[in-house]
Amino acid sequence: MSKLNKKNYAVIGIKSVSSNWNADFEGRPQTLPDGTIVASDKALKYSIRRYLEEIGKKVLILKSFKTVKGELMPRSLEERYNFITNTEIAKETTTLDILENIFSCDDIIQFGVAFPITNHNISITGAVQITEGFNKNKDAEIVDFSILSPFQNSKKEDAKNSTMGSRTVTDYASYAYTISINPNNYNNYIGVLEKFEGYKQEDYEVLKDACLKCATNLNSASKRGCENEYAIFVECKDGTNAIMANLHEYIDYEMIDEKAELNLNRLFDYLKDYEDMIDVVEIYINPYVIGLANKEVLKELNTKVFNIINKREIEKRD
């Protein structure tokens, strides 16, 4: 496929029910000083990388392990590079050699990378940039649970009781991330790296697929209860250079009769100013947990609504 020739934008919604999508160093959901529940862009990137790896893509920035004298240890960045690219960095290895290998990794073509290793200090600004995720459910709360371990406290030989632990989660948070896709970030490498064509439509389709499944795909103890709730892709016309602000700020979210509702009125008011540049707006929702308020606004732009689970188009109702 040819190089993507336009900027696209997206909003990704991650639901976190009785779970902890992104913990701070104390194991609690991250918050701002004013109490706003937030999540790092790294949490979403990690889930996307995990999903890409599981579907057989080549992923560089992900923890993996080696054994040293019978001990399990994480690989360094260079060791991970050697392992994934099936090569080694030698004295005669050039920066161009490393760049060609790095761009063969599916996560790097998306997010770029900082690659500071011996004699090579490479920094690639990714085509895909992600904001922090902001909780949109104003009623969300952080909840502490006490957990009883079945084992004796190993630090106290005379301990008569099992150890106690705790688990901190959000009761019902919904994180909204804005994603911008700018293929022009790689223009300087086209014609310099052999066979490199830049960020292609195929790469964008891989990203879209991951953004619909990445959170639901995670199944750890802390991430169980996290899932992909909705996604909105604003796809622009070829050759356009739309410059949009953080789209998640224009989304309203509320709970009505124990079901979430997404109100896109303010978002579509904003997008109408870019009407001549927008090709289509694709909305993916999990219809079992979230609905769309005031569907009339969707008619103001070329909009399609899909089931996030099976990608089938949901029939519009007047």
Protein backbone atom coordinates (compact mmCIF):
# COMPACT_ATOMS: atom_id res chain seq x y z
CA MET A 1 0.00 0.00 0.00
CA SER A 2 1.05 3.59 -0.58
CA LYS A 3 1.96 6.18 2.02
CA LEU A 4 -0.91 7.70 3.98
CA ASN A 5 -1.35 11.20 2.58
CA LYS A 6 -3.41 12.93 5.27
CA LYS A 7 -3.70 13.49 9.00
CA ASN A 8 -6.30 11.49 10.91
CA TYR A 9 -7.54 11.77 14.48
CA ALA A 10 -9.25 9.51 16.98
CA VAL A 11 -10.71 9.34 20.47
CA ILE A 12 -10.35 6.04 22.29
CA GLY A 13 -12.55 5.26 25.31
CA ILE A 14 -11.38 2.71 27.89
CA LYS A 15 -13.82 1.58 30.58
CA SER A 16 -12.42 0.53 33.96
CA VAL A 17 -14.95 -1.12 36.29
CA SER A 18 -13.69 -2.39 39.67
CA SER A 19 -10.21 -2.39 38.16
CA ASN A 20 -7.09 -0.27 37.90
CA TRP A 21 -6.26 0.76 34.34
CA ASN A 22 -3.15 2.76 35.25
CA ALA A 23 -1.63 2.65 38.74
CA ASP A 24 0.77 5.11 40.34
CA PHE A 25 3.82 4.00 42.34
CA GLU A 26 1.60 3.27 45.35
CA GLY A 27 -0.71 1.02 43.35
CA ARG A 28 -3.58 3.52 43.24
CA PRO A 29 -5.29 4.87 40.12
CA GLN A 30 -3.44 7.97 38.98
CA THR A 31 -4.94 11.35 39.82
CA LEU A 32 -4.12 15.02 39.32
CA PRO A 33 -3.73 17.32 42.37
CA ASP A 34 -7.38 18.36 41.98
CA GLY A 35 -8.52 14.74 42.22
CA THR A 36 -9.18 14.20 38.50
CA ILE A 37 -8.63 10.55 37.61
CA VAL A 38 -6.17 10.25 34.72
CA ALA A 39 -4.08 7.65 32.93
CA SER A 40 -0.76 7.86 31.15
CA ASP A 41 -0.48 7.48 27.41
CA LYS A 42 1.97 4.67 28.24
CA ALA A 43 -0.91 2.54 29.56
CA LEU A 44 -2.66 2.65 26.19
CA LYS A 45 0.58 2.16 24.26
CA TYR A 46 1.44 -0.87 26.38
CA SER A 47 -1.92 -2.49 25.70
CA ILE A 48 -1.56 -1.82 21.96
CA ARG A 49 1.95 -3.31 21.94
CA ARG A 50 0.74 -6.39 23.81
CA TYR A 51 -2.07 -6.84 21.29
CA LEU A 52 0.29 -6.40 18.33
CA GLU A 53 2.64 -9.00 19.74
CA GLU A 54 -0.19 -11.48 20.26
CA ILE A 55 -1.35 -11.20 16.64
CA GLY A 56 2.16 -11.91 15.41
CA LYS A 57 3.52 -8.43 14.77
CA LYS A 58 7.14 -7.49 15.50
CA VAL A 59 7.25 -5.42 18.69
CA LEU A 60 10.48 -3.88 19.98
CA ILE A 61 9.51 -1.95 23.12
CA LEU A 62 8.18 -4.66 25.38
CA LYS A 63 9.72 -6.38 28.37
CA SER A 64 11.25 -9.80 27.76
CA PHE A 65 13.62 -11.93 29.80
CA LYS A 66 16.93 -13.75 29.69
CA THR A 67 18.57 -16.13 32.13
CA VAL A 68 21.90 -15.28 33.76
CA LYS A 69 23.47 -17.90 36.02
CA GLY A 70 20.10 -19.44 36.64
CA GLU A 71 18.46 -16.08 37.42
CA LEU A 72 15.68 -14.50 35.37
CA MET A 73 16.52 -10.96 34.28
CA PRO A 74 14.96 -8.45 31.86
CA ARG A 75 16.79 -7.78 28.61
CA SER A 76 18.38 -4.39 28.03
CA LEU A 77 17.18 -2.25 25.12
CA GLU A 78 20.11 -3.37 22.97
CA GLU A 79 19.55 -7.03 23.88
CA ARG A 80 15.87 -6.67 23.02
CA TYR A 81 16.83 -5.10 19.70
CA ASN A 82 19.22 -7.98 18.94
CA PHE A 83 16.56 -10.53 19.91
CA ILE A 84 13.73 -9.01 17.86
CA THR A 85 15.73 -8.09 14.74
CA ASN A 86 17.89 -11.23 14.85
CA THR A 87 21.05 -9.19 14.51
CA GLU A 88 23.74 -7.57 16.62
CA ILE A 89 25.16 -4.07 16.76
CA ALA A 90 28.84 -4.29 15.81
CA LYS A 91 31.53 -1.63 15.32
CA GLU A 92 30.78 -1.47 11.60
CA THR A 93 27.00 -1.14 12.15
CA THR A 94 25.79 2.23 10.87
CA THR A 95 22.92 4.37 12.11
CA LEU A 96 21.15 3.69 8.81
CA ASP A 97 21.41 -0.05 9.46
CA ILE A 98 19.79 0.39 12.87
CA LEU A 99 17.08 2.69 11.52
CA GLU A 100 16.12 0.18 8.83
CA ASN A 101 15.84 -2.56 11.45
CA ILE A 102 13.92 -0.34 13.87
CA PHE A 103 11.37 0.68 11.23
CA SER A 104 10.72 -3.00 10.52
CA CYS A 105 9.09 -3.18 13.97
CA ASP A 106 5.35 -2.57 13.98
CA ASP A 107 5.28 -0.61 17.23
CA ILE A 108 8.04 1.74 16.07
CA ILE A 109 6.25 2.57 12.82
CA GLN A 110 3.37 3.64 15.05
CA PHE A 111 4.93 5.37 18.05
CA GLY A 112 8.56 6.07 17.15
CA VAL A 113 11.26 5.48 19.75
CA ALA A 114 14.11 6.92 21.77
CA PHE A 115 17.05 4.56 21.15
CA PRO A 116 20.13 5.66 23.14
CA ILE A 117 22.73 2.93 22.90
CA THR A 118 26.52 2.84 22.48
CA ASN A 119 27.72 5.13 19.66
CA HIS A 120 24.14 5.62 18.42
CA ASN A 121 21.66 8.09 19.86
CA ILE A 122 18.51 7.76 17.78
CA SER A 123 15.23 9.57 18.39
CA ILE A 124 12.21 9.05 16.14
CA THR A 125 9.06 11.13 16.59
CA GLY A 126 6.23 8.72 15.96
CA ALA A 127 3.47 9.21 13.43
CA VAL A 128 1.02 8.34 16.22
CA GLN A 129 0.84 10.65 19.22
CA ILE A 130 -1.41 9.97 22.23
CA THR A 131 -2.54 12.33 24.97
CA GLU A 132 -3.06 11.35 28.57
CA GLY A 133 -6.39 9.67 29.21
CA PHE A 134 -8.92 11.67 31.24
CA ASN A 135 -11.80 10.08 33.10
CA LYS A 136 -15.08 11.38 31.67
CA ASN A 137 -17.44 9.82 34.24
CA LYS A 138 -17.90 12.53 36.86
CA ASP A 139 -19.40 10.02 39.32
CA ALA A 140 -16.34 7.75 39.32
CA GLU A 141 -14.74 7.02 42.68
CA ILE A 142 -11.57 5.33 43.89
CA VAL A 143 -12.30 2.37 46.15
CA ASP A 144 -10.01 0.43 48.52
CA PHE A 145 -10.48 -3.29 49.12
CA SER A 146 -8.85 -5.36 51.88
CA ILE A 147 -7.47 -8.71 50.78
CA LEU A 148 -6.65 -11.64 53.09
CA SER A 149 -3.72 -13.80 52.01
CA PRO A 150 -3.89 -17.56 52.73
CA PHE A 151 -0.24 -17.54 53.85
CA GLN A 152 1.59 -16.69 57.07
CA ASN A 153 3.62 -13.48 57.11
CA SER A 154 7.03 -14.74 55.95
CA LYS A 155 8.82 -11.97 57.88
CA LYS A 156 7.40 -13.06 61.24
CA GLU A 157 8.11 -16.65 62.21
CA ASP A 158 5.67 -16.49 65.15
CA ALA A 159 2.87 -14.87 63.20
CA LYS A 160 -0.45 -16.54 64.01
CA ASN A 161 -2.51 -14.91 61.30
CA SER A 162 -2.34 -14.64 57.53
CA THR A 163 -1.07 -11.46 55.96
CA MET A 164 -3.40 -8.68 54.90
CA GLY A 165 -3.17 -6.78 51.65
CA SER A 166 -5.17 -4.16 49.79
CA ARG A 167 -6.36 -3.47 46.29
CA THR A 168 -7.33 -0.04 45.01
CA VAL A 169 -9.55 0.36 41.96
CA THR A 170 -11.93 2.73 40.25
CA ASP A 171 -15.57 1.76 40.63
CA TYR A 172 -16.51 2.95 37.13
CA ALA A 173 -14.10 5.19 35.24
CA SER A 174 -14.10 5.90 31.51
CA TYR A 175 -10.79 7.18 30.17
CA ALA A 176 -10.79 9.19 26.93
CA TYR A 177 -7.59 9.54 24.89
CA THR A 178 -7.04 11.68 21.80
CA ILE A 179 -4.84 10.14 19.13
CA SER A 180 -3.35 12.09 16.23
CA ILE A 181 -1.88 10.35 13.20
CA ASN A 182 0.58 12.44 11.22
CA PRO A 183 2.39 10.46 8.50
CA ASN A 184 4.49 13.51 7.64
CA ASN A 185 6.65 12.85 10.71
CA TYR A 186 8.51 10.23 8.65
CA ASN A 187 9.03 12.24 5.46
CA ASN A 188 12.73 12.83 6.21
CA TYR A 189 13.40 9.09 6.14
CA ILE A 190 11.78 8.43 2.75
CA GLY A 191 14.43 8.16 0.06
CA VAL A 192 17.15 7.85 2.70
CA LEU A 193 16.29 4.41 4.03
CA GLU A 194 16.16 1.69 1.40
CA LYS A 195 12.61 0.48 0.64
CA PHE A 196 11.10 2.69 3.39
CA GLU A 197 7.76 4.10 2.20
CA GLY A 198 6.73 5.98 5.33
CA TYR A 199 3.51 5.51 7.31
CA LYS A 200 1.10 3.58 5.07
CA GLN A 201 -2.66 3.01 5.02
CA GLU A 202 -1.91 -0.56 6.11
CA ASP A 203 -0.19 0.75 9.25
CA TYR A 204 -3.22 2.89 10.03
CA GLU A 205 -5.56 -0.10 9.67
CA VAL A 206 -3.39 -2.08 12.10
CA LEU A 207 -3.62 0.79 14.59
CA LYS A 208 -7.41 1.01 14.23
CA ASP A 209 -7.80 -2.71 14.86
CA ALA A 210 -5.61 -2.51 17.97
CA CYS A 211 -7.55 0.49 19.30
CA LEU A 212 -10.77 -1.53 19.19
CA LYS A 213 -9.41 -4.54 21.09
CA CYS A 214 -6.24 -3.72 23.07
CA ALA A 215 -7.73 -3.08 26.54
CA THR A 216 -10.24 -5.92 26.35
CA ASN A 217 -7.35 -8.19 25.33
CA LEU A 218 -5.52 -7.63 28.63
CA ASN A 219 -6.50 -10.14 31.29
CA SER A 220 -4.29 -9.52 34.33
CA ALA A 221 -5.74 -9.26 37.83
CA SER A 222 -5.61 -5.46 37.83
CA LYS A 223 -6.78 -5.08 34.21
CA ARG A 224 -9.71 -7.48 34.40
CA GLY A 225 -12.68 -5.12 34.16
CA CYS A 226 -10.90 -2.85 31.66
CA GLU A 227 -12.26 -2.93 28.14
CA ASN A 228 -12.54 -0.97 24.93
CA GLU A 229 -15.80 0.93 25.36
CA TYR A 230 -15.85 3.17 22.28
CA ALA A 231 -13.66 4.63 19.56
CA ILE A 232 -14.19 7.58 17.23
CA PHE A 233 -12.04 7.91 14.10
CA VAL A 234 -12.05 11.20 12.21
CA GLU A 235 -10.68 10.30 8.80
CA CYS A 236 -9.75 13.24 6.59
CA LYS A 237 -9.61 13.59 2.83
CA ASP A 238 -6.42 12.80 0.94
CA GLY A 239 -4.03 15.71 0.68
CA THR A 240 -5.55 17.66 3.56
CA ASN A 241 -3.65 18.93 6.57
CA ALA A 242 -6.32 19.31 9.25
CA ILE A 243 -4.91 20.62 12.54
CA MET A 244 -7.26 19.64 15.36
CA ALA A 245 -7.09 20.14 19.11
CA ASN A 246 -7.60 17.45 21.76
CA LEU A 247 -10.91 15.94 20.68
CA HIS A 248 -11.61 14.20 23.99
CA GLU A 249 -12.27 17.60 25.55
CA TYR A 250 -15.44 17.90 23.44
CA ILE A 251 -16.97 14.61 24.61
CA ASP A 252 -19.60 14.39 27.36
CA TYR A 253 -20.29 11.17 29.24
CA GLU A 254 -22.88 10.29 31.84
CA MET A 255 -24.58 7.32 33.46
CA ILE A 256 -28.33 6.94 32.84
CA ASP A 257 -30.17 4.00 34.43
CA GLU A 258 -26.92 2.08 34.95
CA LYS A 259 -25.93 2.46 31.28
CA ALA A 260 -23.38 4.91 29.95
CA GLU A 261 -24.35 7.48 27.36
CA LEU A 262 -22.01 9.31 25.02
CA ASN A 263 -23.01 12.81 24.00
CA LEU A 264 -21.15 14.03 20.91
CA ASN A 265 -22.94 17.34 20.40
CA ARG A 266 -19.95 19.51 21.28
CA LEU A 267 -17.58 17.29 19.31
CA PHE A 268 -19.64 17.53 16.12
CA ASP A 269 -20.03 21.29 16.58
CA TYR A 270 -16.23 21.45 16.59
CA LEU A 271 -15.79 19.06 13.66
CA LYS A 272 -18.23 21.01 11.47
CA ASP A 273 -15.55 23.70 11.14
CA TYR A 274 -13.45 21.04 9.36
CA GLU A 275 -16.30 19.70 7.23
CA ASP A 276 -14.51 20.33 3.92
CA MET A 277 -11.50 18.31 5.12
CA ILE A 278 -13.34 15.35 6.69
CA ASP A 279 -14.06 12.26 4.60
CA VAL A 280 -15.87 10.17 7.22
CA VAL A 281 -16.37 9.89 10.96
CA GLU A 282 -16.44 6.28 12.16
CA ILE A 283 -17.88 5.59 15.61
CA TYR A 284 -17.43 2.22 17.29
CA ILE A 285 -19.37 1.46 20.48
CA ASN A 286 -20.09 -1.52 22.68
CA PRO A 287 -23.90 -1.25 22.44
CA TYR A 288 -24.36 -3.44 25.51
CA VAL A 289 -22.71 -0.94 27.86
CA ILE A 290 -22.96 2.45 26.13
CA GLY A 291 -25.39 4.34 23.93
CA LEU A 292 -25.31 7.50 21.83
CA ALA A 293 -27.34 10.54 22.89
CA ASN A 294 -29.02 12.80 20.32
CA LYS A 295 -28.25 10.75 17.20
CA GLU A 296 -29.59 13.56 15.02
CA VAL A 297 -26.22 15.30 15.33
CA LEU A 298 -24.56 12.40 13.51
CA LYS A 299 -26.31 13.40 10.29
CA GLU A 300 -24.40 16.69 10.16
CA LEU A 301 -21.30 14.88 8.86
CA ASN A 302 -20.71 11.69 6.89
CA THR A 303 -20.90 9.35 9.90
CA LYS A 304 -21.02 5.59 10.30
CA VAL A 305 -21.67 3.72 13.56
CA PHE A 306 -20.30 0.24 14.17
CA ASN A 307 -20.41 -2.45 16.86
CA ILE A 308 -16.93 -2.40 18.41
CA ILE A 309 -17.08 -6.15 19.03
CA ASN A 310 -17.75 -7.44 15.51
CA LYS A 311 -17.22 -4.24 13.44
CA ARG A 312 -20.68 -4.58 11.88
CA GLU A 313 -22.42 -1.33 11.02
CA ILE A 314 -25.24 -0.43 13.36
CA GLU A 315 -28.32 0.73 11.53
CA LYS A 316 -29.14 4.37 12.13
CA ARG A 317 -32.56 5.09 13.60
CA ASP A 318 -34.41 8.37 13.22
